[in-house]
Amino acid sequence: MTVLLVVAKAPVPGAVKTRLCPPATPEQAARIAAAALHDTMATVRATPGVTPVLALAGRLGDGADAADLTAAAAGWLVLPQRGDDLATRLAHAHADVAQAYPGRPVLQIGMDTPQLTTALLGAATRRLTRAEVVLGGATDGGWWALGLRDPRRAAVLRAVPMSTPRTARLTRAVFAGQGLRAVPLPRLRDVDDWSDALAVAEAVPGSRFAWAVTAAGGVPTTEFAAAGRHQR
């Protein structure tokens, strides 16, 4: 059974989604981040045949929508992130999962793609059964998903600069240097700035994420406004 690893930050105002400010306030940005994490966790929980794990920076109880997110994480293994930079934290998270679930493949995602569906995650886990590495590129040059048959191989991520327009390309290159081809997954837009938030909100009308963006000043279309609240 594949471990579905969500790497996330606790949605504390001023510490998450700061590139949404302005127009969002730090409190609104934190609520948008909380909604994105909640929607992501709900999709993971609804995906059959996976074991959910959360690698968390901070504490859910300190952030926006603390009670809802804490309840959503019930039954998950929650691992504290370790390391001073993102690449090191990712490598440690994979190593920690490898120790907790020896021999299991791992598909790692973040909290910036709340438009994820169970069909997309299911297809990614199935592809991982036939490949050593799968990689889902993002439109900004980064990546939204990394799947490893052997999660200990994530140690090579320490050599990859994260959050750059070259991150996906360099990630493919470090695995190629190990003799591993990264099989591509569909390309997605992740939420970094306000234009991303608006575009992703339009893609998932009625979701928690879309309503949080609207509450922060996003302008919905007529179709979006007619959608039922919190419906996926």
C-alpha atoms as a PDB file:
ATOM      1  CA  MET A   1       0.000   0.000   0.000  1.00  0.00           C
ATOM      2  CA  THR A   2       1.349   3.421  -0.988  1.00  0.00           C
ATOM      3  CA  VAL A   3       1.985   6.031   1.682  1.00  0.00           C
ATOM      4  CA  LEU A   4       0.482   9.355   0.648  1.00  0.00           C
ATOM      5  CA  LEU A   5       2.659  11.962   2.333  1.00  0.00           C
ATOM      6  CA  VAL A   6       1.322  15.513   2.686  1.00  0.00           C
ATOM      7  CA  VAL A   7       4.027  18.066   3.495  1.00  0.00           C
ATOM      8  CA  ALA A   8       2.496  21.170   5.017  1.00  0.00           C
ATOM      9  CA  LYS A   9       2.883  24.190   7.280  1.00  0.00           C
ATOM     10  CA  ALA A  10       0.511  25.000  10.091  1.00  0.00           C
ATOM     11  CA  PRO A  11      -1.608  27.915   8.774  1.00  0.00           C
ATOM     12  CA  VAL A  12      -0.371  30.601  11.159  1.00  0.00           C
ATOM     13  CA  PRO A  13      -1.029  34.225  10.094  1.00  0.00           C
ATOM     14  CA  GLY A  14       2.137  35.887   8.869  1.00  0.00           C
ATOM     15  CA  ALA A  15       3.905  32.541   8.365  1.00  0.00           C
ATOM     16  CA  VAL A  16       2.029  31.050   5.390  1.00  0.00           C
ATOM     17  CA  LYS A  17       0.925  32.278   1.966  1.00  0.00           C
ATOM     18  CA  THR A  18       2.535  35.678   2.500  1.00  0.00           C
ATOM     19  CA  ARG A  19       2.655  36.229  -1.278  1.00  0.00           C
ATOM     20  CA  LEU A  20      -1.140  36.520  -1.204  1.00  0.00           C
ATOM     21  CA  CYS A  21      -0.734  39.729   0.821  1.00  0.00           C
ATOM     22  CA  PRO A  22      -1.986  42.086  -0.477  1.00  0.00           C
ATOM     23  CA  PRO A  23      -4.818  41.891  -1.413  1.00  0.00           C
ATOM     24  CA  ALA A  24      -5.374  39.320   1.346  1.00  0.00           C
ATOM     25  CA  THR A  25      -4.528  40.165   4.936  1.00  0.00           C
ATOM     26  CA  PRO A  26      -2.234  37.775   6.845  1.00  0.00           C
ATOM     27  CA  GLU A  27      -5.302  36.375   8.621  1.00  0.00           C
ATOM     28  CA  GLN A  28      -7.140  35.825   5.325  1.00  0.00           C
ATOM     29  CA  ALA A  29      -4.036  34.236   3.782  1.00  0.00           C
ATOM     30  CA  ALA A  30      -3.842  31.857   6.738  1.00  0.00           C
ATOM     31  CA  ARG A  31      -7.492  30.903   6.271  1.00  0.00           C
ATOM     32  CA  ILE A  32      -6.833  30.279   2.564  1.00  0.00           C
ATOM     33  CA  ALA A  33      -3.888  28.058   3.512  1.00  0.00           C
ATOM     34  CA  ALA A  34      -6.015  26.220   6.062  1.00  0.00           C
ATOM     35  CA  ALA A  35      -8.727  25.640   3.475  1.00  0.00           C
ATOM     36  CA  ALA A  36      -6.179  24.356   0.953  1.00  0.00           C
ATOM     37  CA  LEU A  37      -4.781  21.935   3.513  1.00  0.00           C
ATOM     38  CA  HIS A  38      -8.245  20.787   4.576  1.00  0.00           C
ATOM     39  CA  ASP A  39      -9.334  20.147   0.971  1.00  0.00           C
ATOM     40  CA  THR A  40      -6.072  18.318   0.251  1.00  0.00           C
ATOM     41  CA  MET A  41      -6.420  16.104   3.309  1.00  0.00           C
ATOM     42  CA  ALA A  42     -10.048  15.347   2.451  1.00  0.00           C
ATOM     43  CA  THR A  43      -9.018  14.221  -1.035  1.00  0.00           C
ATOM     44  CA  VAL A  44      -6.216  12.057   0.365  1.00  0.00           C
ATOM     45  CA  ARG A  45      -8.588  10.510   2.898  1.00  0.00           C
ATOM     46  CA  ALA A  46     -11.051   9.683   0.105  1.00  0.00           C
ATOM     47  CA  THR A  47      -8.391   8.060  -2.089  1.00  0.00           C
ATOM     48  CA  PRO A  48      -8.626   4.272  -1.772  1.00  0.00           C
ATOM     49  CA  GLY A  49      -5.655   2.064  -1.061  1.00  0.00           C
ATOM     50  CA  VAL A  50      -3.325   4.637   0.511  1.00  0.00           C
ATOM     51  CA  THR A  51      -1.947   5.296   3.983  1.00  0.00           C
ATOM     52  CA  PRO A  52      -2.111   9.027   4.851  1.00  0.00           C
ATOM     53  CA  VAL A  53       0.804  10.727   6.601  1.00  0.00           C
ATOM     54  CA  LEU A  54       1.222  14.418   7.423  1.00  0.00           C
ATOM     55  CA  ALA A  55       4.708  15.934   7.719  1.00  0.00           C
ATOM     56  CA  LEU A  56       3.985  19.189   9.522  1.00  0.00           C
ATOM     57  CA  ALA A  57       5.956  22.342  10.262  1.00  0.00           C
ATOM     58  CA  GLY A  58       4.439  23.904  13.375  1.00  0.00           C
ATOM     59  CA  ARG A  59       1.277  22.871  15.192  1.00  0.00           C
ATOM     60  CA  LEU A  60      -2.222  22.769  13.743  1.00  0.00           C
ATOM     61  CA  GLY A  61      -3.586  24.078  17.026  1.00  0.00           C
ATOM     62  CA  ASP A  62      -1.699  27.353  16.568  1.00  0.00           C
ATOM     63  CA  GLY A  63      -3.160  28.217  13.166  1.00  0.00           C
ATOM     64  CA  ALA A  64      -6.383  29.149  11.428  1.00  0.00           C
ATOM     65  CA  ASP A  65      -9.295  26.693  11.593  1.00  0.00           C
ATOM     66  CA  ALA A  66      -7.383  24.762  14.234  1.00  0.00           C
ATOM     67  CA  ALA A  67     -10.291  22.622  15.424  1.00  0.00           C
ATOM     68  CA  ASP A  68     -11.340  21.534  11.916  1.00  0.00           C
ATOM     69  CA  LEU A  69      -7.801  20.703  10.825  1.00  0.00           C
ATOM     70  CA  THR A  70      -7.029  18.837  14.035  1.00  0.00           C
ATOM     71  CA  ALA A  71     -10.165  16.759  13.517  1.00  0.00           C
ATOM     72  CA  ALA A  72      -9.232  16.155   9.868  1.00  0.00           C
ATOM     73  CA  ALA A  73      -5.844  14.792  10.951  1.00  0.00           C
ATOM     74  CA  ALA A  74      -7.365  12.265  13.357  1.00  0.00           C
ATOM     75  CA  GLY A  75      -6.053   8.812  12.510  1.00  0.00           C
ATOM     76  CA  TRP A  76      -3.119  10.148  10.483  1.00  0.00           C
ATOM     77  CA  LEU A  77       0.496   9.648  11.423  1.00  0.00           C
ATOM     78  CA  VAL A  78       1.743  13.216  11.977  1.00  0.00           C
ATOM     79  CA  LEU A  79       5.498  13.681  11.707  1.00  0.00           C
ATOM     80  CA  PRO A  80       7.311  16.892  12.657  1.00  0.00           C
ATOM     81  CA  GLN A  81       9.361  18.365   9.842  1.00  0.00           C
ATOM     82  CA  ARG A  82      13.092  18.421  10.495  1.00  0.00           C
ATOM     83  CA  GLY A  83      15.750  20.592   8.892  1.00  0.00           C
ATOM     84  CA  ASP A  84      16.637  24.215   8.192  1.00  0.00           C
ATOM     85  CA  ASP A  85      15.584  24.356   4.533  1.00  0.00           C
ATOM     86  CA  LEU A  86      12.838  22.819   2.431  1.00  0.00           C
ATOM     87  CA  ALA A  87      15.039  20.341   0.588  1.00  0.00           C
ATOM     88  CA  THR A  88      16.394  18.941   3.854  1.00  0.00           C
ATOM     89  CA  ARG A  89      12.908  18.779   5.378  1.00  0.00           C
ATOM     90  CA  LEU A  90      11.625  16.833   2.363  1.00  0.00           C
ATOM     91  CA  ALA A  91      14.528  14.374   2.532  1.00  0.00           C
ATOM     92  CA  HIS A  92      13.938  13.848   6.262  1.00  0.00           C
ATOM     93  CA  ALA A  93      10.187  13.398   5.772  1.00  0.00           C
ATOM     94  CA  HIS A  94      10.744  10.608   3.248  1.00  0.00           C
ATOM     95  CA  ALA A  95      13.338   8.989   5.517  1.00  0.00           C
ATOM     96  CA  ASP A  96      10.949   9.150   8.470  1.00  0.00           C
ATOM     97  CA  VAL A  97       8.197   7.500   6.414  1.00  0.00           C
ATOM     98  CA  ALA A  98      10.630   4.813   5.261  1.00  0.00           C
ATOM     99  CA  GLN A  99      11.371   4.054   8.899  1.00  0.00           C
ATOM    100  CA  ALA A 100       7.709   4.037   9.907  1.00  0.00           C
ATOM    101  CA  TYR A 101       6.546   1.979   6.908  1.00  0.00           C
ATOM    102  CA  PRO A 102       9.499  -0.114   5.681  1.00  0.00           C
ATOM    103  CA  GLY A 103       9.315  -1.214   2.077  1.00  0.00           C
ATOM    104  CA  ARG A 104       6.361   1.002   1.159  1.00  0.00           C
ATOM    105  CA  PRO A 105       6.390   3.378  -1.838  1.00  0.00           C
ATOM    106  CA  VAL A 106       5.674   7.024  -1.042  1.00  0.00           C
ATOM    107  CA  LEU A 107       3.813   9.658  -3.046  1.00  0.00           C
ATOM    108  CA  GLN A 108       4.535  13.096  -1.613  1.00  0.00           C
ATOM    109  CA  ILE A 109       2.364  16.139  -2.249  1.00  0.00           C
ATOM    110  CA  GLY A 110       1.995  19.557  -0.648  1.00  0.00           C
ATOM    111  CA  MET A 111      -0.856  21.828   0.397  1.00  0.00           C
ATOM    112  CA  ASP A 112      -0.690  24.159  -2.629  1.00  0.00           C
ATOM    113  CA  THR A 113      -2.820  22.144  -5.063  1.00  0.00           C
ATOM    114  CA  PRO A 114      -6.297  21.912  -3.508  1.00  0.00           C
ATOM    115  CA  GLN A 115      -7.698  21.109  -6.952  1.00  0.00           C
ATOM    116  CA  LEU A 116      -6.344  17.567  -6.603  1.00  0.00           C
ATOM    117  CA  THR A 117      -8.844  14.763  -7.127  1.00  0.00           C
ATOM    118  CA  THR A 118      -8.961  11.181  -5.957  1.00  0.00           C
ATOM    119  CA  ALA A 119      -8.750  10.099  -9.609  1.00  0.00           C
ATOM    120  CA  LEU A 120      -5.507  11.999 -10.095  1.00  0.00           C
ATOM    121  CA  LEU A 121      -3.956  10.655  -6.895  1.00  0.00           C
ATOM    122  CA  GLY A 122      -5.112   7.140  -7.690  1.00  0.00           C
ATOM    123  CA  ALA A 123      -3.579   7.300 -11.157  1.00  0.00           C
ATOM    124  CA  ALA A 124      -0.314   8.603  -9.688  1.00  0.00           C
ATOM    125  CA  THR A 125      -0.085   5.771  -7.161  1.00  0.00           C
ATOM    126  CA  ARG A 126      -0.774   3.221  -9.885  1.00  0.00           C
ATOM    127  CA  ARG A 127       1.945   4.724 -12.061  1.00  0.00           C
ATOM    128  CA  LEU A 128       4.332   4.424  -9.129  1.00  0.00           C
ATOM    129  CA  THR A 129       3.821   0.655  -9.109  1.00  0.00           C
ATOM    130  CA  ARG A 130       5.525   0.551 -12.528  1.00  0.00           C
ATOM    131  CA  ALA A 131       8.236   3.188 -12.009  1.00  0.00           C
ATOM    132  CA  GLU A 132      10.979   3.941  -9.517  1.00  0.00           C
ATOM    133  CA  VAL A 133      10.276   7.697  -9.602  1.00  0.00           C
ATOM    134  CA  VAL A 134       7.269   9.760 -10.681  1.00  0.00           C
ATOM    135  CA  LEU A 135       7.267  13.557 -10.778  1.00  0.00           C
ATOM    136  CA  GLY A 136       4.396  15.983 -11.271  1.00  0.00           C
ATOM    137  CA  GLY A 137       5.650  19.288 -12.598  1.00  0.00           C
ATOM    138  CA  ALA A 138       4.049  22.634 -11.741  1.00  0.00           C
ATOM    139  CA  THR A 139       3.463  25.517 -14.122  1.00  0.00           C
ATOM    140  CA  ASP A 140       5.982  27.701 -12.275  1.00  0.00           C
ATOM    141  CA  GLY A 141       8.851  25.262 -12.865  1.00  0.00           C
ATOM    142  CA  GLY A 142       8.574  23.491  -9.540  1.00  0.00           C
ATOM    143  CA  TRP A 143       6.737  20.268  -8.823  1.00  0.00           C
ATOM    144  CA  TRP A 144       3.576  19.316  -6.973  1.00  0.00           C
ATOM    145  CA  ALA A 145       4.183  15.579  -6.497  1.00  0.00           C
ATOM    146  CA  LEU A 146       7.130  13.238  -6.096  1.00  0.00           C
ATOM    147  CA  GLY A 147       6.669   9.495  -5.921  1.00  0.00           C
ATOM    148  CA  LEU A 148       9.440   7.100  -4.928  1.00  0.00           C
ATOM    149  CA  ARG A 149       9.357   3.316  -4.810  1.00  0.00           C
ATOM    150  CA  ASP A 150      12.194   3.601  -2.289  1.00  0.00           C
ATOM    151  CA  PRO A 151      11.683   6.825  -0.283  1.00  0.00           C
ATOM    152  CA  ARG A 152      15.234   6.682   1.045  1.00  0.00           C
ATOM    153  CA  ARG A 153      16.303   7.902  -2.394  1.00  0.00           C
ATOM    154  CA  ALA A 154      14.875  11.310  -1.477  1.00  0.00           C
ATOM    155  CA  ALA A 155      18.233  12.066   0.150  1.00  0.00           C
ATOM    156  CA  VAL A 156      19.361  13.416  -3.234  1.00  0.00           C
ATOM    157  CA  LEU A 157      16.844  16.259  -2.878  1.00  0.00           C
ATOM    158  CA  ARG A 158      19.314  18.011  -0.591  1.00  0.00           C
ATOM    159  CA  ALA A 159      21.236  18.975  -3.751  1.00  0.00           C
ATOM    160  CA  VAL A 160      18.189  20.598  -5.400  1.00  0.00           C
ATOM    161  CA  PRO A 161      17.356  24.298  -4.945  1.00  0.00           C
ATOM    162  CA  MET A 162      13.666  24.471  -4.106  1.00  0.00           C
ATOM    163  CA  SER A 163      11.073  27.082  -5.118  1.00  0.00           C
ATOM    164  CA  THR A 164      12.835  28.116  -8.319  1.00  0.00           C
ATOM    165  CA  PRO A 165      11.785  27.953 -11.984  1.00  0.00           C
ATOM    166  CA  ARG A 166      14.372  25.156 -12.421  1.00  0.00           C
ATOM    167  CA  THR A 167      13.380  22.954  -9.496  1.00  0.00           C
ATOM    168  CA  ALA A 168      11.538  20.282 -11.505  1.00  0.00           C
ATOM    169  CA  ARG A 169      14.268  20.100 -14.127  1.00  0.00           C
ATOM    170  CA  LEU A 170      16.996  19.840 -11.495  1.00  0.00           C
ATOM    171  CA  THR A 171      15.014  17.213  -9.590  1.00  0.00           C
ATOM    172  CA  ARG A 172      14.772  15.077 -12.721  1.00  0.00           C
ATOM    173  CA  ALA A 173      18.510  15.574 -13.224  1.00  0.00           C
ATOM    174  CA  VAL A 174      19.554  14.408  -9.738  1.00  0.00           C
ATOM    175  CA  PHE A 175      17.529  11.237 -10.118  1.00  0.00           C
ATOM    176  CA  ALA A 176      18.921  10.704 -13.615  1.00  0.00           C
ATOM    177  CA  GLY A 177      22.351  10.920 -12.008  1.00  0.00           C
ATOM    178  CA  GLN A 178      21.315   7.917  -9.917  1.00  0.00           C
ATOM    179  CA  GLY A 179      20.246   6.044 -13.051  1.00  0.00           C
ATOM    180  CA  LEU A 180      16.539   6.712 -12.426  1.00  0.00           C
ATOM    181  CA  ARG A 181      14.125   8.236 -14.936  1.00  0.00           C
ATOM    182  CA  ALA A 182      11.375  10.352 -13.400  1.00  0.00           C
ATOM    183  CA  VAL A 183       8.133   9.331 -15.110  1.00  0.00           C
ATOM    184  CA  PRO A 184       5.970  12.449 -15.574  1.00  0.00           C
ATOM    185  CA  LEU A 185       2.596  13.050 -13.977  1.00  0.00           C
ATOM    186  CA  PRO A 186       0.115  15.669 -15.230  1.00  0.00           C
ATOM    187  CA  ARG A 187       1.250  19.269 -14.891  1.00  0.00           C
ATOM    188  CA  LEU A 188      -0.672  21.382 -12.343  1.00  0.00           C
ATOM    189  CA  ARG A 189      -0.814  24.980 -11.204  1.00  0.00           C
ATOM    190  CA  ASP A 190       0.060  25.446  -7.565  1.00  0.00           C
ATOM    191  CA  VAL A 191      -0.961  28.396  -5.428  1.00  0.00           C
ATOM    192  CA  ASP A 192       1.835  30.877  -4.873  1.00  0.00           C
ATOM    193  CA  ASP A 193       0.355  34.319  -5.604  1.00  0.00           C
ATOM    194  CA  TRP A 194      -3.073  35.898  -5.890  1.00  0.00           C
ATOM    195  CA  SER A 195      -3.502  35.127  -9.596  1.00  0.00           C
ATOM    196  CA  ASP A 196      -2.839  31.452  -8.811  1.00  0.00           C
ATOM    197  CA  ALA A 197      -5.382  31.537  -5.988  1.00  0.00           C
ATOM    198  CA  LEU A 198      -8.058  32.974  -8.264  1.00  0.00           C
ATOM    199  CA  ALA A 199      -7.369  30.467 -11.048  1.00  0.00           C
ATOM    200  CA  VAL A 200      -7.404  27.449  -8.733  1.00  0.00           C
ATOM    201  CA  ALA A 201     -10.528  28.702  -6.955  1.00  0.00           C
ATOM    202  CA  GLU A 202     -12.300  28.845 -10.316  1.00  0.00           C
ATOM    203  CA  ALA A 203     -11.268  25.228 -10.915  1.00  0.00           C
ATOM    204  CA  VAL A 204     -12.862  23.963  -7.679  1.00  0.00           C
ATOM    205  CA  PRO A 205     -16.073  25.978  -7.124  1.00  0.00           C
ATOM    206  CA  GLY A 206     -17.787  25.248  -3.842  1.00  0.00           C
ATOM    207  CA  SER A 207     -14.623  23.972  -2.142  1.00  0.00           C
ATOM    208  CA  ARG A 208     -13.362  25.338   1.154  1.00  0.00           C
ATOM    209  CA  PHE A 209     -10.457  26.828  -0.747  1.00  0.00           C
ATOM    210  CA  ALA A 210     -12.666  28.655  -3.232  1.00  0.00           C
ATOM    211  CA  TRP A 211     -14.839  30.101  -0.495  1.00  0.00           C
ATOM    212  CA  ALA A 212     -11.789  31.263   1.494  1.00  0.00           C
ATOM    213  CA  VAL A 213     -10.435  33.025  -1.610  1.00  0.00           C
ATOM    214  CA  THR A 214     -13.832  34.641  -2.213  1.00  0.00           C
ATOM    215  CA  ALA A 215     -13.998  35.811   1.400  1.00  0.00           C
ATOM    216  CA  ALA A 216     -10.616  37.468   0.931  1.00  0.00           C
ATOM    217  CA  GLY A 217     -11.823  39.452  -2.074  1.00  0.00           C
ATOM    218  CA  GLY A 218     -11.752  37.032  -4.980  1.00  0.00           C
ATOM    219  CA  VAL A 219     -14.537  37.677  -7.489  1.00  0.00           C
ATOM    220  CA  PRO A 220     -16.469  34.509  -8.397  1.00  0.00           C
ATOM    221  CA  THR A 221     -18.130  33.845 -11.699  1.00  0.00           C
ATOM    222  CA  THR A 222     -21.905  33.275 -11.804  1.00  0.00           C
ATOM    223  CA  GLU A 223     -21.328  29.531 -12.026  1.00  0.00           C
ATOM    224  CA  PHE A 224     -18.978  29.670  -9.053  1.00  0.00           C
ATOM    225  CA  ALA A 225     -21.403  31.724  -6.981  1.00  0.00           C
ATOM    226  CA  ALA A 226     -24.159  29.196  -7.607  1.00  0.00           C
ATOM    227  CA  ALA A 227     -22.090  26.254  -6.371  1.00  0.00           C
ATOM    228  CA  GLY A 228     -22.916  24.777  -2.984  1.00  0.00           C
ATOM    229  CA  ARG A 229     -20.650  25.741  -0.140  1.00  0.00           C
ATOM    230  CA  HIS A 230     -17.884  23.247   0.708  1.00  0.00           C
ATOM    231  CA  GLN A 231     -19.052  20.794  -1.958  1.00  0.00           C
ATOM    232  CA  ARG A 232     -16.418  19.022  -4.053  1.00  0.00           C
END
